[in-house]
Amino acid sequence: MVNKIYTIMLLMFLTSGFAFSQTPSNNDSLKQAALADVNVFKLNKPDLITFRKAGRSNFRSDYFKPNTNTTRDTSLLKDSVYVQAFREAAFVKTRKRRTTGHYLAVGGAIYLGVSLVAALVIAVGLFQSYK
């Protein structure tokens, strides 16, 4: 009796996964189109400054709306799945943008660290040679 219950539960579990995976949907293709269109998106300098000052947290902002310049197929502008995927991807892309100062600071820190390690190795080598 217990084996039958476990067998039925196992069959229900296995078939439920297949039922959900076979539902047709074109949401994935819309999301892929949005990701491809985000490659041409770039927030202009004044809007980027305003976005950074506002805390970089609102992806529903009008800054990330797709328009006819960023979208290859303009009929997708009316599709909510496409617009949502575009806004999220554009938001992530904008948050990852760094300034020149960021790259100079990181590069300078790496250079300073490597220089200190090299100076330490040279100093230890010179100190050992005098003994």
C-alpha atoms as a PDB file:
ATOM      1  CA  MET A   1       0.000   0.000   0.000  1.00  0.00           C
ATOM      2  CA  VAL A   2       2.763   2.450   0.929  1.00  0.00           C
ATOM      3  CA  ASN A   3       4.727   1.571  -2.217  1.00  0.00           C
ATOM      4  CA  LYS A   4       1.701   2.406  -4.382  1.00  0.00           C
ATOM      5  CA  ILE A   5       1.358   5.813  -2.752  1.00  0.00           C
ATOM      6  CA  TYR A   6       5.041   6.593  -3.270  1.00  0.00           C
ATOM      7  CA  THR A   7       4.823   5.387  -6.872  1.00  0.00           C
ATOM      8  CA  ILE A   8       1.801   7.598  -7.556  1.00  0.00           C
ATOM      9  CA  MET A   9       3.472  10.585  -5.906  1.00  0.00           C
ATOM     10  CA  LEU A  10       6.622   9.992  -7.932  1.00  0.00           C
ATOM     11  CA  LEU A  11       4.653   9.792 -11.172  1.00  0.00           C
ATOM     12  CA  MET A  12       2.765  12.981 -10.313  1.00  0.00           C
ATOM     13  CA  PHE A  13       6.013  14.776  -9.590  1.00  0.00           C
ATOM     14  CA  LEU A  14       7.684  13.649 -12.786  1.00  0.00           C
ATOM     15  CA  THR A  15       4.731  14.427 -15.033  1.00  0.00           C
ATOM     16  CA  SER A  16       4.104  17.845 -13.496  1.00  0.00           C
ATOM     17  CA  GLY A  17       7.557  19.020 -14.550  1.00  0.00           C
ATOM     18  CA  PHE A  18       6.975  17.892 -18.103  1.00  0.00           C
ATOM     19  CA  ALA A  19       3.609  19.618 -18.263  1.00  0.00           C
ATOM     20  CA  PHE A  20       5.138  22.949 -17.309  1.00  0.00           C
ATOM     21  CA  SER A  21       8.099  22.638 -19.641  1.00  0.00           C
ATOM     22  CA  GLN A  22       5.973  22.043 -22.728  1.00  0.00           C
ATOM     23  CA  THR A  23       3.966  25.252 -22.625  1.00  0.00           C
ATOM     24  CA  PRO A  24       4.810  27.318 -25.691  1.00  0.00           C
ATOM     25  CA  SER A  25       6.031  30.843 -25.038  1.00  0.00           C
ATOM     26  CA  ASN A  26       7.846  33.466 -27.019  1.00  0.00           C
ATOM     27  CA  ASN A  27       8.941  35.401 -23.930  1.00  0.00           C
ATOM     28  CA  ASP A  28      12.470  34.066 -24.330  1.00  0.00           C
ATOM     29  CA  SER A  29      12.752  35.395 -27.859  1.00  0.00           C
ATOM     30  CA  LEU A  30      11.455  38.784 -26.733  1.00  0.00           C
ATOM     31  CA  LYS A  31      14.007  38.881 -23.928  1.00  0.00           C
ATOM     32  CA  GLN A  32      16.782  37.930 -26.346  1.00  0.00           C
ATOM     33  CA  ALA A  33      15.696  40.724 -28.697  1.00  0.00           C
ATOM     34  CA  ALA A  34      15.749  43.178 -25.790  1.00  0.00           C
ATOM     35  CA  LEU A  35      19.238  42.071 -24.765  1.00  0.00           C
ATOM     36  CA  ALA A  36      20.456  42.498 -28.338  1.00  0.00           C
ATOM     37  CA  ASP A  37      18.916  45.968 -28.568  1.00  0.00           C
ATOM     38  CA  VAL A  38      20.460  47.090 -25.279  1.00  0.00           C
ATOM     39  CA  ASN A  39      23.901  46.879 -26.901  1.00  0.00           C
ATOM     40  CA  VAL A  40      23.209  50.169 -28.714  1.00  0.00           C
ATOM     41  CA  PHE A  41      21.768  51.878 -25.601  1.00  0.00           C
ATOM     42  CA  LYS A  42      23.892  54.435 -23.818  1.00  0.00           C
ATOM     43  CA  LEU A  43      22.637  56.970 -21.300  1.00  0.00           C
ATOM     44  CA  ASN A  44      23.791  60.497 -22.129  1.00  0.00           C
ATOM     45  CA  LYS A  45      26.107  62.370 -19.773  1.00  0.00           C
ATOM     46  CA  PRO A  46      23.603  64.725 -18.011  1.00  0.00           C
ATOM     47  CA  ASP A  47      21.128  61.882 -17.437  1.00  0.00           C
ATOM     48  CA  LEU A  48      23.935  59.639 -16.195  1.00  0.00           C
ATOM     49  CA  ILE A  49      25.012  62.252 -13.663  1.00  0.00           C
ATOM     50  CA  THR A  50      21.418  62.687 -12.469  1.00  0.00           C
ATOM     51  CA  PHE A  51      20.969  58.902 -12.262  1.00  0.00           C
ATOM     52  CA  ARG A  52      24.115  58.509 -10.165  1.00  0.00           C
ATOM     53  CA  LYS A  53      23.118  61.328  -7.827  1.00  0.00           C
ATOM     54  CA  ALA A  54      19.670  59.762  -7.342  1.00  0.00           C
ATOM     55  CA  GLY A  55      21.222  56.622  -5.900  1.00  0.00           C
ATOM     56  CA  ARG A  56      21.357  54.272  -8.913  1.00  0.00           C
ATOM     57  CA  SER A  57      18.341  52.324  -7.747  1.00  0.00           C
ATOM     58  CA  ASN A  58      15.328  53.006  -9.973  1.00  0.00           C
ATOM     59  CA  PHE A  59      15.271  50.804 -13.078  1.00  0.00           C
ATOM     60  CA  ARG A  60      11.689  51.849 -13.804  1.00  0.00           C
ATOM     61  CA  SER A  61      12.896  55.368 -14.528  1.00  0.00           C
ATOM     62  CA  ASP A  62      12.167  57.007 -17.872  1.00  0.00           C
ATOM     63  CA  TYR A  63      15.890  56.939 -18.598  1.00  0.00           C
ATOM     64  CA  PHE A  64      15.692  53.274 -19.568  1.00  0.00           C
ATOM     65  CA  LYS A  65      12.665  53.322 -21.854  1.00  0.00           C
ATOM     66  CA  PRO A  66      13.293  51.797 -25.272  1.00  0.00           C
ATOM     67  CA  ASN A  67      12.692  54.122 -28.213  1.00  0.00           C
ATOM     68  CA  THR A  68      12.845  53.998 -32.001  1.00  0.00           C
ATOM     69  CA  ASN A  69      16.601  54.672 -31.957  1.00  0.00           C
ATOM     70  CA  THR A  70      17.421  51.716 -29.727  1.00  0.00           C
ATOM     71  CA  THR A  71      14.901  49.187 -31.040  1.00  0.00           C
ATOM     72  CA  ARG A  72      15.273  47.403 -34.358  1.00  0.00           C
ATOM     73  CA  ASP A  73      11.647  46.257 -34.530  1.00  0.00           C
ATOM     74  CA  THR A  74       9.436  49.163 -33.441  1.00  0.00           C
ATOM     75  CA  SER A  75       6.385  46.929 -33.055  1.00  0.00           C
ATOM     76  CA  LEU A  76       8.069  45.500 -29.937  1.00  0.00           C
ATOM     77  CA  LEU A  77       7.756  48.856 -28.176  1.00  0.00           C
ATOM     78  CA  LYS A  78       4.152  47.985 -27.335  1.00  0.00           C
ATOM     79  CA  ASP A  79       5.030  44.601 -25.832  1.00  0.00           C
ATOM     80  CA  SER A  80       5.313  44.736 -22.043  1.00  0.00           C
ATOM     81  CA  VAL A  81       7.680  41.735 -21.802  1.00  0.00           C
ATOM     82  CA  TYR A  82      10.110  43.360 -24.241  1.00  0.00           C
ATOM     83  CA  VAL A  83       9.937  46.755 -22.514  1.00  0.00           C
ATOM     84  CA  GLN A  84      10.484  45.214 -19.070  1.00  0.00           C
ATOM     85  CA  ALA A  85      13.448  43.134 -20.266  1.00  0.00           C
ATOM     86  CA  PHE A  86      14.944  46.155 -22.045  1.00  0.00           C
ATOM     87  CA  ARG A  87      14.621  48.357 -18.962  1.00  0.00           C
ATOM     88  CA  GLU A  88      16.237  45.779 -16.696  1.00  0.00           C
ATOM     89  CA  ALA A  89      19.125  45.143 -19.097  1.00  0.00           C
ATOM     90  CA  ALA A  90      19.687  48.871 -19.727  1.00  0.00           C
ATOM     91  CA  PHE A  91      19.668  49.494 -15.972  1.00  0.00           C
ATOM     92  CA  VAL A  92      22.282  46.794 -15.381  1.00  0.00           C
ATOM     93  CA  LYS A  93      24.419  48.105 -18.234  1.00  0.00           C
ATOM     94  CA  THR A  94      24.255  51.654 -16.865  1.00  0.00           C
ATOM     95  CA  ARG A  95      25.078  50.577 -13.314  1.00  0.00           C
ATOM     96  CA  LYS A  96      28.179  48.786 -14.574  1.00  0.00           C
ATOM     97  CA  ARG A  97      29.500  51.898 -16.345  1.00  0.00           C
ATOM     98  CA  ARG A  98      32.612  53.290 -14.726  1.00  0.00           C
ATOM     99  CA  THR A  99      34.268  56.665 -15.028  1.00  0.00           C
ATOM    100  CA  THR A 100      37.826  57.322 -16.143  1.00  0.00           C
ATOM    101  CA  GLY A 101      38.684  58.278 -12.586  1.00  0.00           C
ATOM    102  CA  HIS A 102      37.621  54.823 -11.402  1.00  0.00           C
ATOM    103  CA  TYR A 103      39.993  53.122 -13.827  1.00  0.00           C
ATOM    104  CA  LEU A 104      42.829  55.515 -12.926  1.00  0.00           C
ATOM    105  CA  ALA A 105      42.311  54.888  -9.202  1.00  0.00           C
ATOM    106  CA  VAL A 106      42.208  51.106  -9.590  1.00  0.00           C
ATOM    107  CA  GLY A 107      45.223  51.106 -11.921  1.00  0.00           C
ATOM    108  CA  GLY A 108      47.140  53.408  -9.589  1.00  0.00           C
ATOM    109  CA  ALA A 109      46.394  51.196  -6.598  1.00  0.00           C
ATOM    110  CA  ILE A 110      47.593  48.110  -8.470  1.00  0.00           C
ATOM    111  CA  TYR A 111      50.740  49.916  -9.613  1.00  0.00           C
ATOM    112  CA  LEU A 112      51.450  51.117  -6.088  1.00  0.00           C
ATOM    113  CA  GLY A 113      50.943  47.644  -4.634  1.00  0.00           C
ATOM    114  CA  VAL A 114      53.232  45.981  -7.184  1.00  0.00           C
ATOM    115  CA  SER A 115      55.863  48.702  -6.643  1.00  0.00           C
ATOM    116  CA  LEU A 116      55.793  48.187  -2.878  1.00  0.00           C
ATOM    117  CA  VAL A 117      56.167  44.420  -3.225  1.00  0.00           C
ATOM    118  CA  ALA A 118      59.045  44.857  -5.711  1.00  0.00           C
ATOM    119  CA  ALA A 119      60.759  47.369  -3.384  1.00  0.00           C
ATOM    120  CA  LEU A 120      60.366  44.970  -0.471  1.00  0.00           C
ATOM    121  CA  VAL A 121      61.868  42.096  -2.460  1.00  0.00           C
ATOM    122  CA  ILE A 122      64.801  44.267  -3.552  1.00  0.00           C
ATOM    123  CA  ALA A 123      65.363  45.523   0.002  1.00  0.00           C
ATOM    124  CA  VAL A 124      65.326  41.992   1.411  1.00  0.00           C
ATOM    125  CA  GLY A 125      67.705  40.853  -1.327  1.00  0.00           C
ATOM    126  CA  LEU A 126      70.144  43.689  -0.643  1.00  0.00           C
ATOM    127  CA  PHE A 127      69.956  43.118   3.122  1.00  0.00           C
ATOM    128  CA  GLN A 128      70.721  39.406   2.679  1.00  0.00           C
ATOM    129  CA  SER A 129      73.684  40.134   0.404  1.00  0.00           C
ATOM    130  CA  TYR A 130      75.448  42.276   3.048  1.00  0.00           C
ATOM    131  CA  LYS A 131      75.545  39.452   5.601  1.00  0.00           C
END
